[in-house]
Amino acid sequence: MPQTITAPPAPALPNLIKWDADSYENLYSMGLLEHGKYELLEGDIVQKMAIKNAHALIVTLLFSYLLRFCTPRTLRSAFTLAVGVRSEPEPDFAVLFTESPTLTERGYVQPDNVRLVVEVGDSTVASDISTKSAIYAGAGIPEYWVIDVTGRRLLVHTAPVAGAYSSVLEYDETESVAPTFAPTETTPVSALLS
C-alpha cells in the first residue's frame, strides 16, 4: 500500500546572483554555457549530472510503458520547460495534453500543456523532491513523478495547491502505479526500475 510522505525542506543553495530566463538564455547565446549541461531553477543556474546507464534505461522503460496508452507526439524527453521568469527546468520526461502544444518565443513547451512530468534521480533526488516539486506545483502541473534510482521507489505528487503538491505518495518496487489521467494503465514499479 502506498505511503503518504512529506518532502524535506529545499536545501539552501549558495548563489549571490539570481538569474532570469532572458539573462540565462543570453549566457547560452554568448557561448558561456553549453546546452544540455545546465538548467535554471528558481533563479539558480544548476549544473546537470551526467546521465548514467541506469538512468538512461529507466527513461527507455518509461517511454515504452507510456507508449501503451499515449501517442508518440504527446511524449517529450530531454526538453526545456518554460516555467515563469526564473525557471527553465529540463525534465527527463513529460506527457503533454495535446500533440501540438503552445510554445514560447524560444520554442519551449509551456506548463499548461503538461499533464505529467517525470524526473529520474540518482544523485539529484533531494532537489527533485524539493526544488523541482515546488517549481512544477507552482506551474500547476497536475502530476509529477520522481523515480528514485538508488532508493528503488517512485514518488507520485498530485493535486498542486499554492506552489506545493497536496498529495505525495511513495510506491516501492513491490507495488503498481498508474498516472491519474490513465488509472487503468497500471504497471509494476519494479518494471520501471529494472
N, C-alpha and C. Protein backbone atom coordinates (compact mmCIF):
# COMPACT_ATOMS: atom_id res chain seq x y z
N MET A 1 0.85 -1.17 0.00
CA MET A 1 0.00 0.00 0.00
C MET A 1 0.90 1.24 0.00
N PRO A 2 0.62 2.22 -0.86
CA PRO A 2 1.46 3.41 -0.90
C PRO A 2 1.37 4.18 0.41
N GLN A 3 2.46 4.86 0.75
CA GLN A 3 2.52 5.64 1.97
C GLN A 3 2.56 7.12 1.63
N THR A 4 1.88 7.94 2.43
CA THR A 4 1.95 9.38 2.25
C THR A 4 3.24 9.86 2.89
N ILE A 5 3.99 10.71 2.17
CA ILE A 5 5.25 11.22 2.72
C ILE A 5 5.25 12.74 2.63
N THR A 6 6.14 13.34 3.39
CA THR A 6 6.32 14.78 3.37
C THR A 6 7.70 15.09 2.83
N ALA A 7 7.77 16.02 1.88
CA ALA A 7 9.07 16.38 1.28
C ALA A 7 9.89 17.16 2.30
N PRO A 8 11.21 16.92 2.33
CA PRO A 8 12.08 17.71 3.21
C PRO A 8 12.19 19.13 2.68
N PRO A 9 12.60 20.08 3.53
CA PRO A 9 12.75 21.45 3.04
C PRO A 9 13.83 21.51 1.96
N ALA A 10 13.67 22.47 1.07
CA ALA A 10 14.64 22.64 -0.02
C ALA A 10 16.01 22.99 0.56
N PRO A 11 17.07 22.36 0.04
CA PRO A 11 18.41 22.70 0.53
C PRO A 11 18.77 24.12 0.11
N ALA A 12 19.44 24.83 0.99
CA ALA A 12 19.88 26.20 0.67
C ALA A 12 21.04 26.13 -0.30
N LEU A 13 20.90 26.83 -1.40
CA LEU A 13 21.96 26.86 -2.41
C LEU A 13 22.68 28.20 -2.33
N PRO A 14 24.01 28.19 -2.10
CA PRO A 14 24.73 29.46 -2.03
C PRO A 14 24.89 30.05 -3.43
N ASN A 15 24.16 31.11 -3.71
CA ASN A 15 24.23 31.76 -5.01
C ASN A 15 23.96 33.24 -4.80
N LEU A 16 24.89 34.07 -5.21
CA LEU A 16 24.74 35.50 -4.99
C LEU A 16 23.92 36.18 -6.08
N ILE A 17 23.82 35.57 -7.24
CA ILE A 17 23.09 36.17 -8.35
C ILE A 17 21.88 35.30 -8.66
N LYS A 18 20.71 35.92 -8.71
CA LYS A 18 19.51 35.23 -9.16
C LYS A 18 19.29 35.63 -10.61
N TRP A 19 19.24 34.64 -11.48
CA TRP A 19 19.13 34.88 -12.91
C TRP A 19 17.67 34.79 -13.35
N ASP A 20 17.34 35.58 -14.37
CA ASP A 20 16.04 35.40 -15.01
C ASP A 20 16.26 34.64 -16.31
N ALA A 21 15.17 34.21 -16.93
CA ALA A 21 15.28 33.37 -18.13
C ALA A 21 15.98 34.09 -19.27
N ASP A 22 15.74 35.39 -19.44
CA ASP A 22 16.39 36.13 -20.54
C ASP A 22 17.90 36.19 -20.35
N SER A 23 18.35 36.51 -19.13
CA SER A 23 19.80 36.57 -18.86
C SER A 23 20.44 35.20 -19.02
N TYR A 24 19.75 34.19 -18.55
CA TYR A 24 20.22 32.80 -18.67
C TYR A 24 20.38 32.43 -20.14
N GLU A 25 19.40 32.75 -20.96
CA GLU A 25 19.47 32.45 -22.39
C GLU A 25 20.60 33.25 -23.06
N ASN A 26 20.84 34.48 -22.60
CA ASN A 26 21.95 35.28 -23.14
C ASN A 26 23.29 34.61 -22.89
N LEU A 27 23.45 33.97 -21.73
CA LEU A 27 24.69 33.25 -21.44
C LEU A 27 24.93 32.14 -22.46
N TYR A 28 23.85 31.48 -22.88
CA TYR A 28 23.97 30.46 -23.93
C TYR A 28 24.37 31.08 -25.26
N SER A 29 23.68 32.18 -25.63
CA SER A 29 23.99 32.78 -26.95
C SER A 29 25.39 33.34 -27.01
N MET A 30 25.96 33.72 -25.87
CA MET A 30 27.33 34.23 -25.86
C MET A 30 28.35 33.09 -25.79
N GLY A 31 27.87 31.85 -25.69
CA GLY A 31 28.77 30.70 -25.64
C GLY A 31 29.36 30.44 -24.27
N LEU A 32 28.79 31.05 -23.23
CA LEU A 32 29.33 30.88 -21.88
C LEU A 32 28.78 29.62 -21.19
N LEU A 33 27.66 29.13 -21.67
CA LEU A 33 27.09 27.89 -21.15
C LEU A 33 26.86 26.94 -22.32
N GLU A 34 27.03 25.65 -22.06
CA GLU A 34 26.81 24.64 -23.09
C GLU A 34 25.41 24.05 -22.92
N HIS A 35 24.63 24.01 -24.01
CA HIS A 35 23.27 23.47 -23.96
C HIS A 35 23.27 22.04 -23.44
N GLY A 36 22.26 21.74 -22.63
CA GLY A 36 22.11 20.40 -22.09
C GLY A 36 22.92 20.13 -20.83
N LYS A 37 23.76 21.07 -20.43
CA LYS A 37 24.62 20.86 -19.25
C LYS A 37 24.09 21.58 -18.00
N TYR A 38 23.16 22.51 -18.20
CA TYR A 38 22.66 23.33 -17.09
C TYR A 38 21.15 23.48 -17.20
N GLU A 39 20.54 23.85 -16.08
CA GLU A 39 19.14 24.24 -16.09
C GLU A 39 18.94 25.37 -15.09
N LEU A 40 17.95 26.19 -15.33
CA LEU A 40 17.65 27.33 -14.47
C LEU A 40 16.54 26.93 -13.51
N LEU A 41 16.86 26.93 -12.20
CA LEU A 41 15.89 26.53 -11.17
C LEU A 41 15.78 27.62 -10.13
N GLU A 42 14.63 28.29 -10.08
CA GLU A 42 14.38 29.35 -9.09
C GLU A 42 15.46 30.43 -9.14
N GLY A 43 15.95 30.76 -10.33
CA GLY A 43 16.96 31.79 -10.49
C GLY A 43 18.39 31.31 -10.35
N ASP A 44 18.58 30.05 -9.99
CA ASP A 44 19.92 29.48 -9.86
C ASP A 44 20.27 28.67 -11.10
N ILE A 45 21.48 28.85 -11.61
CA ILE A 45 21.96 28.04 -12.73
C ILE A 45 22.60 26.80 -12.12
N VAL A 46 21.98 25.66 -12.39
CA VAL A 46 22.39 24.40 -11.76
C VAL A 46 22.97 23.48 -12.83
N GLN A 47 24.17 22.97 -12.54
CA GLN A 47 24.79 22.02 -13.47
C GLN A 47 24.08 20.68 -13.37
N LYS A 48 23.73 20.13 -14.52
CA LYS A 48 23.06 18.83 -14.55
C LYS A 48 24.08 17.72 -14.38
N MET A 49 23.65 16.64 -13.76
CA MET A 49 24.51 15.49 -13.56
C MET A 49 24.60 14.68 -14.85
N ALA A 50 25.71 13.99 -15.01
CA ALA A 50 25.86 13.10 -16.17
C ALA A 50 24.81 11.99 -16.08
N ILE A 51 24.29 11.58 -17.22
CA ILE A 51 23.27 10.53 -17.25
C ILE A 51 23.97 9.17 -17.23
N LYS A 52 23.71 8.42 -16.16
CA LYS A 52 24.31 7.10 -16.01
C LYS A 52 23.45 6.05 -16.73
N ASN A 53 23.99 4.86 -16.86
CA ASN A 53 23.30 3.79 -17.58
C ASN A 53 21.94 3.48 -16.98
N ALA A 54 21.84 3.37 -15.66
CA ALA A 54 20.56 3.04 -15.01
C ALA A 54 19.52 4.11 -15.32
N HIS A 55 19.94 5.36 -15.29
CA HIS A 55 19.06 6.48 -15.59
C HIS A 55 18.53 6.37 -17.03
N ALA A 56 19.42 6.15 -17.97
CA ALA A 56 19.03 6.04 -19.38
C ALA A 56 18.08 4.86 -19.60
N LEU A 57 18.34 3.74 -18.93
CA LEU A 57 17.48 2.57 -19.07
C LEU A 57 16.09 2.86 -18.53
N ILE A 58 15.99 3.52 -17.39
CA ILE A 58 14.69 3.85 -16.80
C ILE A 58 13.89 4.76 -17.72
N VAL A 59 14.53 5.74 -18.34
CA VAL A 59 13.83 6.62 -19.29
C VAL A 59 13.30 5.79 -20.47
N THR A 60 14.08 4.84 -20.95
CA THR A 60 13.63 3.97 -22.04
C THR A 60 12.45 3.10 -21.62
N LEU A 61 12.52 2.53 -20.41
CA LEU A 61 11.42 1.70 -19.91
C LEU A 61 10.15 2.53 -19.71
N LEU A 62 10.32 3.74 -19.21
CA LEU A 62 9.18 4.65 -19.01
C LEU A 62 8.53 4.99 -20.35
N PHE A 63 9.35 5.29 -21.35
CA PHE A 63 8.85 5.59 -22.69
C PHE A 63 8.03 4.42 -23.23
N SER A 64 8.57 3.22 -23.09
CA SER A 64 7.88 2.02 -23.56
C SER A 64 6.54 1.84 -22.86
N TYR A 65 6.51 2.04 -21.55
CA TYR A 65 5.27 1.93 -20.77
C TYR A 65 4.25 2.96 -21.24
N LEU A 66 4.65 4.22 -21.36
CA LEU A 66 3.72 5.28 -21.72
C LEU A 66 3.20 5.15 -23.15
N LEU A 67 3.98 4.55 -24.03
CA LEU A 67 3.53 4.34 -25.41
C LEU A 67 2.33 3.39 -25.50
N ARG A 68 2.09 2.63 -24.45
CA ARG A 68 0.93 1.73 -24.45
C ARG A 68 -0.38 2.51 -24.52
N PHE A 69 -0.39 3.74 -24.01
CA PHE A 69 -1.65 4.50 -23.95
C PHE A 69 -1.51 5.98 -24.29
N CYS A 70 -0.34 6.41 -24.72
CA CYS A 70 -0.12 7.79 -25.16
C CYS A 70 0.38 7.77 -26.61
N THR A 71 0.08 8.81 -27.35
CA THR A 71 0.62 8.89 -28.71
C THR A 71 2.06 9.40 -28.64
N PRO A 72 2.92 8.99 -29.55
CA PRO A 72 4.32 9.42 -29.51
C PRO A 72 4.49 10.94 -29.50
N ARG A 73 3.59 11.66 -30.19
CA ARG A 73 3.73 13.12 -30.27
C ARG A 73 3.35 13.83 -28.97
N THR A 74 2.76 13.11 -28.01
CA THR A 74 2.47 13.73 -26.71
C THR A 74 3.56 13.45 -25.69
N LEU A 75 4.57 12.69 -26.07
CA LEU A 75 5.66 12.35 -25.16
C LEU A 75 6.87 13.22 -25.46
N ARG A 76 7.52 13.71 -24.41
CA ARG A 76 8.72 14.54 -24.57
C ARG A 76 9.81 14.03 -23.63
N SER A 77 11.03 14.02 -24.14
CA SER A 77 12.19 13.65 -23.34
C SER A 77 13.28 14.66 -23.59
N ALA A 78 14.02 15.01 -22.55
CA ALA A 78 15.16 15.93 -22.67
C ALA A 78 14.76 17.21 -23.39
N PHE A 79 13.88 17.97 -22.78
CA PHE A 79 13.40 19.22 -23.37
C PHE A 79 13.38 20.30 -22.30
N THR A 80 13.24 21.55 -22.72
CA THR A 80 13.17 22.66 -21.78
C THR A 80 11.72 23.05 -21.57
N LEU A 81 11.35 23.23 -20.31
CA LEU A 81 10.01 23.64 -19.93
C LEU A 81 10.09 25.07 -19.40
N ALA A 82 9.39 26.00 -20.02
CA ALA A 82 9.42 27.40 -19.61
C ALA A 82 8.45 27.60 -18.45
N VAL A 83 8.99 27.83 -17.25
CA VAL A 83 8.16 27.98 -16.06
C VAL A 83 8.45 29.34 -15.43
N GLY A 84 7.68 30.33 -15.79
CA GLY A 84 7.84 31.65 -15.20
C GLY A 84 9.12 32.34 -15.64
N VAL A 85 9.50 33.34 -14.87
CA VAL A 85 10.64 34.19 -15.22
C VAL A 85 11.97 33.61 -14.74
N ARG A 86 11.96 32.78 -13.70
CA ARG A 86 13.21 32.33 -13.09
C ARG A 86 13.47 30.83 -13.16
N SER A 87 12.70 30.10 -13.94
CA SER A 87 12.93 28.65 -14.01
C SER A 87 12.73 28.12 -15.42
N GLU A 88 13.72 27.35 -15.88
CA GLU A 88 13.65 26.61 -17.13
C GLU A 88 14.20 25.21 -16.89
N PRO A 89 13.44 24.38 -16.14
CA PRO A 89 13.91 23.02 -15.88
C PRO A 89 13.90 22.19 -17.15
N GLU A 90 14.70 21.14 -17.14
CA GLU A 90 14.76 20.20 -18.26
C GLU A 90 14.43 18.81 -17.72
N PRO A 91 13.12 18.52 -17.59
CA PRO A 91 12.73 17.23 -17.02
C PRO A 91 13.16 16.06 -17.90
N ASP A 92 13.28 14.90 -17.27
CA ASP A 92 13.66 13.71 -18.03
C ASP A 92 12.56 13.27 -18.98
N PHE A 93 11.31 13.51 -18.57
CA PHE A 93 10.21 13.04 -19.39
C PHE A 93 8.95 13.82 -19.07
N ALA A 94 8.06 13.91 -20.04
CA ALA A 94 6.76 14.55 -19.82
C ALA A 94 5.73 13.98 -20.78
N VAL A 95 4.48 14.05 -20.35
CA VAL A 95 3.34 13.73 -21.20
C VAL A 95 2.55 15.01 -21.36
N LEU A 96 2.26 15.37 -22.61
CA LEU A 96 1.52 16.59 -22.91
C LEU A 96 0.04 16.28 -23.10
N PHE A 97 -0.79 17.32 -22.95
CA PHE A 97 -2.22 17.18 -23.18
C PHE A 97 -2.54 17.02 -24.67
N THR A 98 -1.72 17.61 -25.53
CA THR A 98 -2.02 17.65 -26.95
C THR A 98 -0.77 17.37 -27.78
N GLU A 99 -0.96 16.95 -29.00
CA GLU A 99 0.17 16.70 -29.90
C GLU A 99 0.77 18.00 -30.44
N SER A 100 0.04 19.11 -30.34
CA SER A 100 0.51 20.41 -30.84
C SER A 100 0.48 21.43 -29.71
N PRO A 101 1.44 21.37 -28.78
CA PRO A 101 1.41 22.28 -27.63
C PRO A 101 1.73 23.72 -28.03
N THR A 102 1.26 24.64 -27.19
CA THR A 102 1.61 26.05 -27.34
C THR A 102 3.05 26.22 -26.89
N LEU A 103 3.86 26.88 -27.71
CA LEU A 103 5.27 27.07 -27.39
C LEU A 103 5.57 28.53 -27.10
N THR A 104 6.65 28.78 -26.37
CA THR A 104 7.10 30.15 -26.12
C THR A 104 7.82 30.67 -27.36
N GLU A 105 8.24 31.93 -27.32
CA GLU A 105 9.00 32.52 -28.43
C GLU A 105 10.26 31.71 -28.73
N ARG A 106 10.86 31.13 -27.69
CA ARG A 106 12.09 30.35 -27.86
C ARG A 106 11.82 28.91 -28.30
N GLY A 107 10.55 28.55 -28.40
CA GLY A 107 10.20 27.19 -28.82
C GLY A 107 10.09 26.20 -27.68
N TYR A 108 9.97 26.70 -26.44
CA TYR A 108 9.87 25.82 -25.28
C TYR A 108 8.40 25.52 -24.97
N VAL A 109 8.16 24.34 -24.41
CA VAL A 109 6.82 23.94 -24.00
C VAL A 109 6.42 24.76 -22.77
N GLN A 110 5.16 25.16 -22.73
CA GLN A 110 4.63 25.89 -21.57
C GLN A 110 3.96 24.90 -20.61
N PRO A 111 3.98 25.19 -19.31
CA PRO A 111 3.47 24.24 -18.31
C PRO A 111 1.99 23.87 -18.47
N ASP A 112 1.17 24.79 -18.99
CA ASP A 112 -0.25 24.46 -19.11
C ASP A 112 -0.52 23.40 -20.18
N ASN A 113 0.50 23.00 -20.91
CA ASN A 113 0.39 21.93 -21.89
C ASN A 113 0.77 20.56 -21.32
N VAL A 114 1.25 20.53 -20.07
CA VAL A 114 1.85 19.32 -19.50
C VAL A 114 0.90 18.67 -18.49
N ARG A 115 0.67 17.37 -18.66
CA ARG A 115 -0.18 16.66 -17.70
C ARG A 115 0.64 15.84 -16.70
N LEU A 116 1.86 15.43 -17.08
CA LEU A 116 2.72 14.64 -16.19
C LEU A 116 4.17 14.98 -16.50
N VAL A 117 4.95 15.24 -15.45
CA VAL A 117 6.40 15.43 -15.57
C VAL A 117 7.06 14.33 -14.76
N VAL A 118 8.17 13.79 -15.30
CA VAL A 118 8.91 12.74 -14.59
C VAL A 118 10.38 13.13 -14.51
N GLU A 119 10.94 13.04 -13.32
CA GLU A 119 12.38 13.19 -13.11
C GLU A 119 12.91 11.84 -12.64
N VAL A 120 14.01 11.41 -13.22
CA VAL A 120 14.70 10.19 -12.79
C VAL A 120 15.92 10.66 -12.01
N GLY A 121 15.96 10.33 -10.74
CA GLY A 121 17.04 10.84 -9.90
C GLY A 121 17.89 9.74 -9.30
N ASP A 122 19.19 9.92 -9.41
CA ASP A 122 20.09 9.08 -8.64
C ASP A 122 20.76 9.98 -7.62
N SER A 123 21.55 10.95 -8.07
CA SER A 123 22.19 11.87 -7.13
C SER A 123 21.41 13.17 -6.96
N THR A 124 20.26 13.32 -7.63
CA THR A 124 19.51 14.58 -7.59
C THR A 124 18.17 14.46 -6.87
N VAL A 125 17.91 13.37 -6.19
CA VAL A 125 16.59 13.14 -5.60
C VAL A 125 16.20 14.24 -4.62
N ALA A 126 17.11 14.71 -3.79
CA ALA A 126 16.77 15.76 -2.82
C ALA A 126 16.24 17.01 -3.53
N SER A 127 16.91 17.43 -4.58
CA SER A 127 16.46 18.59 -5.35
C SER A 127 15.16 18.28 -6.10
N ASP A 128 15.04 17.06 -6.61
CA ASP A 128 13.84 16.67 -7.35
C ASP A 128 12.59 16.73 -6.48
N ILE A 129 12.70 16.34 -5.20
CA ILE A 129 11.51 16.31 -4.34
C ILE A 129 11.31 17.60 -3.56
N SER A 130 12.22 18.54 -3.69
CA SER A 130 12.02 19.82 -3.01
C SER A 130 11.92 20.95 -4.04
N THR A 131 13.05 21.36 -4.60
CA THR A 131 13.08 22.49 -5.53
C THR A 131 12.21 22.25 -6.75
N LYS A 132 12.42 21.14 -7.44
CA LYS A 132 11.65 20.89 -8.67
C LYS A 132 10.18 20.65 -8.38
N SER A 133 9.88 20.01 -7.27
CA SER A 133 8.48 19.80 -6.89
C SER A 133 7.77 21.14 -6.74
N ALA A 134 8.42 22.09 -6.07
CA ALA A 134 7.83 23.42 -5.89
C ALA A 134 7.65 24.14 -7.23
N ILE A 135 8.63 24.00 -8.12
CA ILE A 135 8.54 24.64 -9.44
C ILE A 135 7.36 24.07 -10.23
N TYR A 136 7.27 22.75 -10.29
CA TYR A 136 6.20 22.12 -11.08
C TYR A 136 4.82 22.36 -10.46
N ALA A 137 4.73 22.30 -9.13
CA ALA A 137 3.44 22.57 -8.47
C ALA A 137 3.04 24.03 -8.68
N GLY A 138 4.00 24.94 -8.55
CA GLY A 138 3.72 26.36 -8.77
C GLY A 138 3.25 26.65 -10.17
N ALA A 139 3.68 25.83 -11.13
CA ALA A 139 3.26 25.99 -12.53
C ALA A 139 1.92 25.31 -12.80
N GLY A 140 1.39 24.60 -11.79
CA GLY A 140 0.09 23.96 -11.94
C GLY A 140 0.11 22.64 -12.70
N ILE A 141 1.29 22.02 -12.80
CA ILE A 141 1.36 20.72 -13.49
C ILE A 141 0.66 19.68 -12.61
N PRO A 142 -0.37 19.01 -13.15
CA PRO A 142 -1.22 18.16 -12.31
C PRO A 142 -0.55 16.98 -11.63
N GLU A 143 0.50 16.44 -12.27
CA GLU A 143 1.10 15.23 -11.71
C GLU A 143 2.61 15.24 -11.97
N TYR A 144 3.36 14.83 -10.95
CA TYR A 144 4.82 14.84 -11.02
C TYR A 144 5.34 13.57 -10.38
N TRP A 145 6.14 12.81 -11.14
CA TRP A 145 6.74 11.59 -10.62
C TRP A 145 8.24 11.78 -10.45
N VAL A 146 8.76 11.25 -9.33
CA VAL A 146 10.21 11.17 -9.13
C VAL A 146 10.55 9.69 -9.00
N ILE A 147 11.35 9.21 -9.94
CA ILE A 147 11.82 7.83 -9.87
C ILE A 147 13.18 7.86 -9.19
N ASP A 148 13.23 7.33 -7.98
CA ASP A 148 14.44 7.32 -7.15
C ASP A 148 15.22 6.04 -7.47
N VAL A 149 16.27 6.19 -8.26
CA VAL A 149 17.05 5.04 -8.72
C VAL A 149 17.69 4.31 -7.54
N THR A 150 18.36 5.05 -6.67
CA THR A 150 19.08 4.45 -5.54
C THR A 150 18.12 3.88 -4.51
N GLY A 151 17.07 4.62 -4.18
CA GLY A 151 16.09 4.17 -3.18
C GLY A 151 15.10 3.15 -3.71
N ARG A 152 15.14 2.89 -5.03
CA ARG A 152 14.26 1.93 -5.68
C ARG A 152 12.80 2.16 -5.30
N ARG A 153 12.35 3.40 -5.55
CA ARG A 153 10.98 3.77 -5.23
C ARG A 153 10.50 4.82 -6.23
N LEU A 154 9.19 5.05 -6.22
CA LEU A 154 8.57 6.06 -7.06
C LEU A 154 7.75 6.97 -6.17
N LEU A 155 7.96 8.27 -6.29
CA LEU A 155 7.20 9.25 -5.54
C LEU A 155 6.23 9.93 -6.50
N VAL A 156 4.95 9.84 -6.21
CA VAL A 156 3.92 10.41 -7.07
C VAL A 156 3.31 11.63 -6.39
N HIS A 157 3.51 12.79 -7.00
CA HIS A 157 2.99 14.06 -6.49
C HIS A 157 1.76 14.44 -7.31
N THR A 158 0.66 14.76 -6.64
CA THR A 158 -0.56 15.19 -7.34
C THR A 158 -1.23 16.33 -6.57
N ALA A 159 -2.22 16.92 -7.20
CA ALA A 159 -3.05 17.97 -6.61
C ALA A 159 -2.24 19.19 -6.19
N PRO A 160 -1.70 19.94 -7.17
CA PRO A 160 -0.95 21.15 -6.82
C PRO A 160 -1.85 22.25 -6.26
N VAL A 161 -1.43 22.81 -5.13
CA VAL A 161 -2.17 23.90 -4.49
C VAL A 161 -1.15 24.89 -3.94
N ALA A 162 -1.22 26.13 -4.38
CA ALA A 162 -0.39 27.21 -3.85
C ALA A 162 1.10 26.86 -3.82
N GLY A 163 1.62 26.32 -4.92
CA GLY A 163 3.05 26.05 -5.04
C GLY A 163 3.55 24.79 -4.37
N ALA A 164 2.63 23.90 -3.99
CA ALA A 164 3.03 22.63 -3.38
C ALA A 164 2.03 21.56 -3.80
N TYR A 165 2.49 20.32 -3.83
CA TYR A 165 1.57 19.22 -4.12
C TYR A 165 0.93 18.78 -2.81
N SER A 166 -0.40 18.73 -2.79
CA SER A 166 -1.10 18.38 -1.55
C SER A 166 -1.10 16.87 -1.29
N SER A 167 -0.73 16.08 -2.29
CA SER A 167 -0.63 14.64 -2.10
C SER A 167 0.70 14.14 -2.66
N VAL A 168 1.45 13.44 -1.82
CA VAL A 168 2.69 12.80 -2.26
C VAL A 168 2.66 11.37 -1.73
N LEU A 169 2.63 10.42 -2.66
CA LEU A 169 2.60 9.01 -2.28
C LEU A 169 3.89 8.33 -2.70
N GLU A 170 4.38 7.46 -1.83
CA GLU A 170 5.59 6.69 -2.11
C GLU A 170 5.22 5.25 -2.44
N TYR A 171 5.70 4.77 -3.58
CA TYR A 171 5.47 3.39 -4.01
C TYR A 171 6.82 2.67 -4.03
N ASP A 172 6.86 1.48 -3.42
CA ASP A 172 8.10 0.71 -3.51
C ASP A 172 8.00 -0.25 -4.69
N GLU A 173 9.06 -1.00 -4.93
CA GLU A 173 9.10 -1.82 -6.14
C GLU A 173 8.19 -3.05 -6.09
N THR A 174 7.51 -3.28 -4.97
CA THR A 174 6.55 -4.39 -4.91
C THR A 174 5.14 -3.94 -5.29
N GLU A 175 4.96 -2.64 -5.51
CA GLU A 175 3.63 -2.09 -5.79
C GLU A 175 3.48 -1.71 -7.27
N SER A 176 2.25 -1.42 -7.65
CA SER A 176 1.96 -0.98 -9.02
C SER A 176 1.43 0.45 -8.98
N VAL A 177 1.56 1.12 -10.12
CA VAL A 177 1.18 2.53 -10.21
C VAL A 177 0.58 2.80 -11.58
N ALA A 178 -0.21 3.86 -11.67
CA ALA A 178 -0.75 4.34 -12.95
C ALA A 178 -0.87 5.85 -12.84
N PRO A 179 -0.70 6.57 -13.94
CA PRO A 179 -0.90 8.01 -13.89
C PRO A 179 -2.38 8.33 -13.65
N THR A 180 -2.66 9.46 -13.04
CA THR A 180 -4.05 9.81 -12.73
C THR A 180 -4.89 9.98 -13.99
N PHE A 181 -4.27 10.34 -15.11
CA PHE A 181 -5.04 10.53 -16.34
C PHE A 181 -5.33 9.21 -17.06
N ALA A 182 -4.74 8.11 -16.60
CA ALA A 182 -4.98 6.79 -17.18
C ALA A 182 -4.96 5.74 -16.07
N PRO A 183 -5.93 5.81 -15.15
CA PRO A 183 -5.88 4.99 -13.93
C PRO A 183 -5.93 3.48 -14.15
N THR A 184 -6.37 3.03 -15.31
CA THR A 184 -6.42 1.58 -15.56
C THR A 184 -5.12 1.05 -16.17
N GLU A 185 -4.21 1.95 -16.52
CA GLU A 185 -2.95 1.55 -17.17
C GLU A 185 -1.84 1.33 -16.14
N THR A 186 -2.04 0.36 -15.27
CA THR A 186 -1.07 0.13 -14.20
C THR A 186 0.17 -0.59 -14.71
N THR A 187 1.25 -0.35 -13.98
CA THR A 187 2.50 -1.07 -14.24
C THR A 187 3.18 -1.30 -12.89
N PRO A 188 3.86 -2.42 -12.73
CA PRO A 188 4.64 -2.61 -11.50
C PRO A 188 5.77 -1.57 -11.46
N VAL A 189 6.00 -1.00 -10.31
CA VAL A 189 7.10 -0.06 -10.16
C VAL A 189 8.41 -0.75 -10.51
N SER A 190 8.53 -2.03 -10.18
CA SER A 190 9.76 -2.77 -10.50
C SER A 190 10.04 -2.79 -12.00
N ALA A 191 8.99 -2.73 -12.83
CA ALA A 191 9.18 -2.74 -14.29
C ALA A 191 9.82 -1.44 -14.77
N LEU A 192 9.65 -0.36 -14.00
CA LEU A 192 10.27 0.91 -14.36
C LEU A 192 11.69 1.02 -13.81
N LEU A 193 12.01 0.19 -12.82
CA LEU A 193 13.32 0.26 -12.17
C LEU A 193 14.29 -0.81 -12.66
N SER A 194 13.85 -1.70 -13.52
CA SER A 194 14.70 -2.82 -13.95
C SER A 194 15.95 -2.36 -14.64
